[in-house]
N, C-alpha and C. Protein backbone atom coordinates (compact mmCIF):
# COMPACT_ATOMS: atom_id res chain seq x y z
N UNK A 1 141.84 17.04 53.96
CA UNK A 1 141.02 15.85 54.10
C UNK A 1 140.51 15.74 55.53
N UNK A 2 139.30 15.25 55.66
CA UNK A 2 138.77 15.04 57.01
C UNK A 2 139.41 13.79 57.60
N UNK A 3 139.27 13.62 58.90
CA UNK A 3 139.86 12.45 59.55
C UNK A 3 139.36 11.14 58.95
N UNK A 4 138.05 11.05 58.66
CA UNK A 4 137.51 9.81 58.11
C UNK A 4 138.08 9.52 56.73
N UNK A 5 138.26 10.56 55.91
CA UNK A 5 138.83 10.34 54.58
C UNK A 5 140.29 9.94 54.68
N UNK A 6 141.02 10.50 55.64
CA UNK A 6 142.42 10.10 55.83
C UNK A 6 142.49 8.63 56.20
N UNK A 7 141.60 8.18 57.08
CA UNK A 7 141.59 6.77 57.46
C UNK A 7 141.24 5.89 56.27
N UNK A 8 140.26 6.33 55.46
CA UNK A 8 139.87 5.56 54.28
C UNK A 8 141.03 5.43 53.30
N UNK A 9 141.84 6.44 53.18
CA UNK A 9 142.90 6.46 52.18
C UNK A 9 144.13 5.66 52.58
N UNK A 10 144.27 5.31 53.84
CA UNK A 10 145.49 4.63 54.26
C UNK A 10 145.25 3.24 54.83
N UNK A 11 144.23 2.57 54.37
CA UNK A 11 144.02 1.19 54.73
C UNK A 11 145.00 0.32 53.95
N UNK A 12 145.32 -0.84 54.47
CA UNK A 12 146.18 -1.76 53.75
C UNK A 12 145.39 -3.03 53.46
N UNK A 13 145.36 -3.41 52.22
CA UNK A 13 144.65 -4.60 51.76
C UNK A 13 145.44 -5.85 52.16
N UNK A 14 144.79 -6.98 52.34
CA UNK A 14 145.52 -8.22 52.60
C UNK A 14 146.55 -8.56 51.51
N UNK A 15 146.34 -8.05 50.30
CA UNK A 15 147.30 -8.31 49.22
C UNK A 15 148.53 -7.42 49.34
N UNK A 16 148.53 -6.50 50.33
CA UNK A 16 149.69 -5.67 50.59
C UNK A 16 149.67 -4.29 49.93
N UNK A 17 148.66 -4.02 49.14
CA UNK A 17 148.58 -2.73 48.46
C UNK A 17 147.77 -1.74 49.29
N UNK A 18 147.95 -0.45 48.99
CA UNK A 18 147.14 0.58 49.63
C UNK A 18 145.70 0.36 49.18
N UNK A 19 144.79 0.38 50.14
CA UNK A 19 143.39 0.09 49.85
C UNK A 19 142.50 1.30 50.07
N UNK A 20 141.47 1.40 49.25
CA UNK A 20 140.50 2.47 49.36
C UNK A 20 139.12 1.84 49.46
N UNK A 21 138.23 2.51 50.19
CA UNK A 21 136.92 1.93 50.47
C UNK A 21 135.96 1.98 49.30
N UNK A 22 136.20 2.83 48.32
CA UNK A 22 135.33 2.91 47.15
C UNK A 22 136.12 3.46 45.97
N UNK A 23 135.51 3.34 44.81
CA UNK A 23 136.14 3.86 43.60
C UNK A 23 136.29 5.38 43.67
N UNK A 24 135.27 6.03 44.20
CA UNK A 24 135.30 7.49 44.33
C UNK A 24 136.43 7.94 45.25
N UNK A 25 136.61 7.26 46.37
CA UNK A 25 137.68 7.60 47.31
C UNK A 25 139.04 7.37 46.65
N UNK A 26 139.17 6.29 45.90
CA UNK A 26 140.43 6.01 45.20
C UNK A 26 140.74 7.09 44.17
N UNK A 27 139.74 7.50 43.43
CA UNK A 27 139.96 8.54 42.42
C UNK A 27 140.34 9.87 43.07
N UNK A 28 139.68 10.20 44.18
CA UNK A 28 140.01 11.43 44.89
C UNK A 28 141.45 11.39 45.39
N UNK A 29 141.85 10.25 45.94
CA UNK A 29 143.22 10.09 46.43
C UNK A 29 144.22 10.20 45.28
N UNK A 30 143.89 9.66 44.12
CA UNK A 30 144.79 9.73 42.96
C UNK A 30 145.05 11.17 42.56
N UNK A 31 144.01 11.98 42.58
CA UNK A 31 144.18 13.39 42.22
C UNK A 31 145.10 14.11 43.20
N UNK A 32 145.04 13.72 44.47
CA UNK A 32 145.87 14.35 45.49
C UNK A 32 147.29 13.79 45.50
N UNK A 33 147.40 12.46 45.46
CA UNK A 33 148.71 11.81 45.57
C UNK A 33 149.53 11.87 44.29
N UNK A 34 148.85 11.85 43.14
CA UNK A 34 149.55 11.80 41.85
C UNK A 34 149.01 12.88 40.92
N UNK A 35 149.18 14.15 41.26
CA UNK A 35 148.63 15.22 40.41
C UNK A 35 149.26 15.20 39.02
N UNK A 36 148.41 15.26 38.02
CA UNK A 36 148.89 15.27 36.64
C UNK A 36 149.16 13.89 36.06
N UNK A 37 149.19 12.86 36.89
CA UNK A 37 149.43 11.50 36.40
C UNK A 37 148.10 10.86 36.02
N UNK A 38 148.14 9.95 35.10
CA UNK A 38 146.94 9.24 34.67
C UNK A 38 146.83 7.96 35.49
N UNK A 39 145.94 7.96 36.45
CA UNK A 39 145.77 6.81 37.33
C UNK A 39 144.38 6.21 37.12
N UNK A 40 144.28 4.90 37.33
CA UNK A 40 143.01 4.19 37.17
C UNK A 40 142.72 3.43 38.45
N UNK A 41 141.47 3.53 38.92
CA UNK A 41 141.04 2.78 40.09
C UNK A 41 140.50 1.43 39.62
N UNK A 42 140.82 0.37 40.36
CA UNK A 42 140.29 -0.95 40.01
C UNK A 42 139.95 -1.72 41.28
N UNK A 43 138.99 -2.60 41.18
CA UNK A 43 138.55 -3.41 42.31
C UNK A 43 139.56 -4.52 42.55
N UNK A 44 139.88 -4.76 43.81
CA UNK A 44 140.80 -5.85 44.16
C UNK A 44 140.10 -7.18 43.94
N UNK A 45 140.75 -8.13 43.27
CA UNK A 45 140.11 -9.43 43.05
C UNK A 45 140.07 -10.29 44.31
N UNK A 46 140.87 -9.94 45.33
CA UNK A 46 140.95 -10.77 46.53
C UNK A 46 140.22 -10.20 47.74
N UNK A 47 139.80 -8.95 47.67
CA UNK A 47 139.17 -8.31 48.82
C UNK A 47 138.19 -7.24 48.34
N UNK A 48 137.34 -6.75 49.22
CA UNK A 48 136.35 -5.74 48.79
C UNK A 48 136.91 -4.32 48.77
N UNK A 49 138.14 -4.13 48.37
CA UNK A 49 138.78 -2.82 48.36
C UNK A 49 139.05 -2.38 46.94
N UNK A 50 139.50 -1.14 46.81
CA UNK A 50 139.89 -0.57 45.52
C UNK A 50 141.35 -0.17 45.58
N UNK A 51 142.05 -0.27 44.45
CA UNK A 51 143.46 0.10 44.35
C UNK A 51 143.63 1.08 43.19
N UNK A 52 144.84 1.65 43.10
CA UNK A 52 145.19 2.54 42.00
C UNK A 52 146.32 1.93 41.18
N UNK A 53 146.28 2.18 39.89
CA UNK A 53 147.36 1.76 39.01
C UNK A 53 147.54 2.79 37.90
N UNK A 54 148.73 2.84 37.37
CA UNK A 54 148.97 3.70 36.22
C UNK A 54 148.88 2.89 34.93
N UNK A 55 148.69 1.58 35.07
CA UNK A 55 148.61 0.70 33.90
C UNK A 55 147.26 0.86 33.20
N UNK A 56 147.29 0.81 31.90
CA UNK A 56 146.09 0.86 31.09
C UNK A 56 145.35 -0.48 31.21
N UNK A 57 144.05 -0.46 31.34
CA UNK A 57 143.25 -1.68 31.52
C UNK A 57 143.42 -2.64 30.35
N UNK A 58 143.48 -2.11 29.13
CA UNK A 58 143.63 -2.97 27.96
C UNK A 58 144.96 -3.71 27.98
N UNK A 59 146.02 -3.02 28.38
CA UNK A 59 147.35 -3.64 28.43
C UNK A 59 147.40 -4.71 29.53
N UNK A 60 146.81 -4.43 30.68
CA UNK A 60 146.77 -5.41 31.77
C UNK A 60 146.02 -6.65 31.33
N UNK A 61 144.89 -6.49 30.64
CA UNK A 61 144.11 -7.63 30.15
C UNK A 61 144.93 -8.45 29.15
N UNK A 62 145.69 -7.77 28.29
CA UNK A 62 146.52 -8.48 27.32
C UNK A 62 147.54 -9.37 28.04
N UNK A 63 148.22 -8.81 29.05
CA UNK A 63 149.20 -9.59 29.81
C UNK A 63 148.55 -10.76 30.53
N UNK A 64 147.39 -10.53 31.13
CA UNK A 64 146.69 -11.59 31.86
C UNK A 64 146.31 -12.72 30.91
N UNK A 65 145.78 -12.39 29.73
CA UNK A 65 145.41 -13.40 28.74
C UNK A 65 146.64 -14.16 28.26
N UNK A 66 147.72 -13.45 28.03
CA UNK A 66 148.96 -14.09 27.58
C UNK A 66 149.47 -15.08 28.61
N UNK A 67 149.45 -14.68 29.88
CA UNK A 67 149.91 -15.58 30.94
C UNK A 67 148.99 -16.78 31.11
N UNK A 68 147.70 -16.59 30.90
CA UNK A 68 146.74 -17.70 31.03
C UNK A 68 146.99 -18.75 29.95
N UNK A 69 147.37 -18.32 28.76
CA UNK A 69 147.66 -19.24 27.67
C UNK A 69 148.94 -20.01 27.97
N UNK A 70 149.91 -19.35 28.54
CA UNK A 70 151.21 -20.00 28.83
C UNK A 70 151.15 -20.94 30.03
N UNK A 71 150.24 -20.74 30.95
CA UNK A 71 150.16 -21.57 32.16
C UNK A 71 149.96 -23.05 31.84
N UNK A 72 149.03 -23.44 30.96
CA UNK A 72 148.89 -24.87 30.65
C UNK A 72 150.13 -25.46 30.01
N UNK A 73 150.86 -24.67 29.22
CA UNK A 73 152.10 -25.15 28.60
C UNK A 73 153.14 -25.47 29.67
N UNK A 74 153.22 -24.63 30.70
CA UNK A 74 154.19 -24.84 31.77
C UNK A 74 153.85 -26.07 32.58
N UNK A 75 152.58 -26.34 32.80
CA UNK A 75 152.14 -27.51 33.57
C UNK A 75 152.44 -28.80 32.83
N UNK A 76 152.38 -28.77 31.50
CA UNK A 76 152.60 -29.96 30.68
C UNK A 76 154.07 -30.38 30.70
N UNK A 77 154.97 -29.46 30.97
CA UNK A 77 156.40 -29.76 30.95
C UNK A 77 156.84 -30.57 32.14
């Protein structure tokens, strides 16, 4: 990796996760850091960075929807 790519790959997001400057950089890092693993790049909801996860997008959406439904129930108690 060139010096600029090394710097791009080791930024830290305000949310505390490893941050990447673009989706392409995140995918490139995934191939290097996790060879053979199925990784997905996603945009950080709190900052203009990209992160990596091994979680399937459909499964993450299911959990998020489930928690959103339960949140009003918890507030009512």
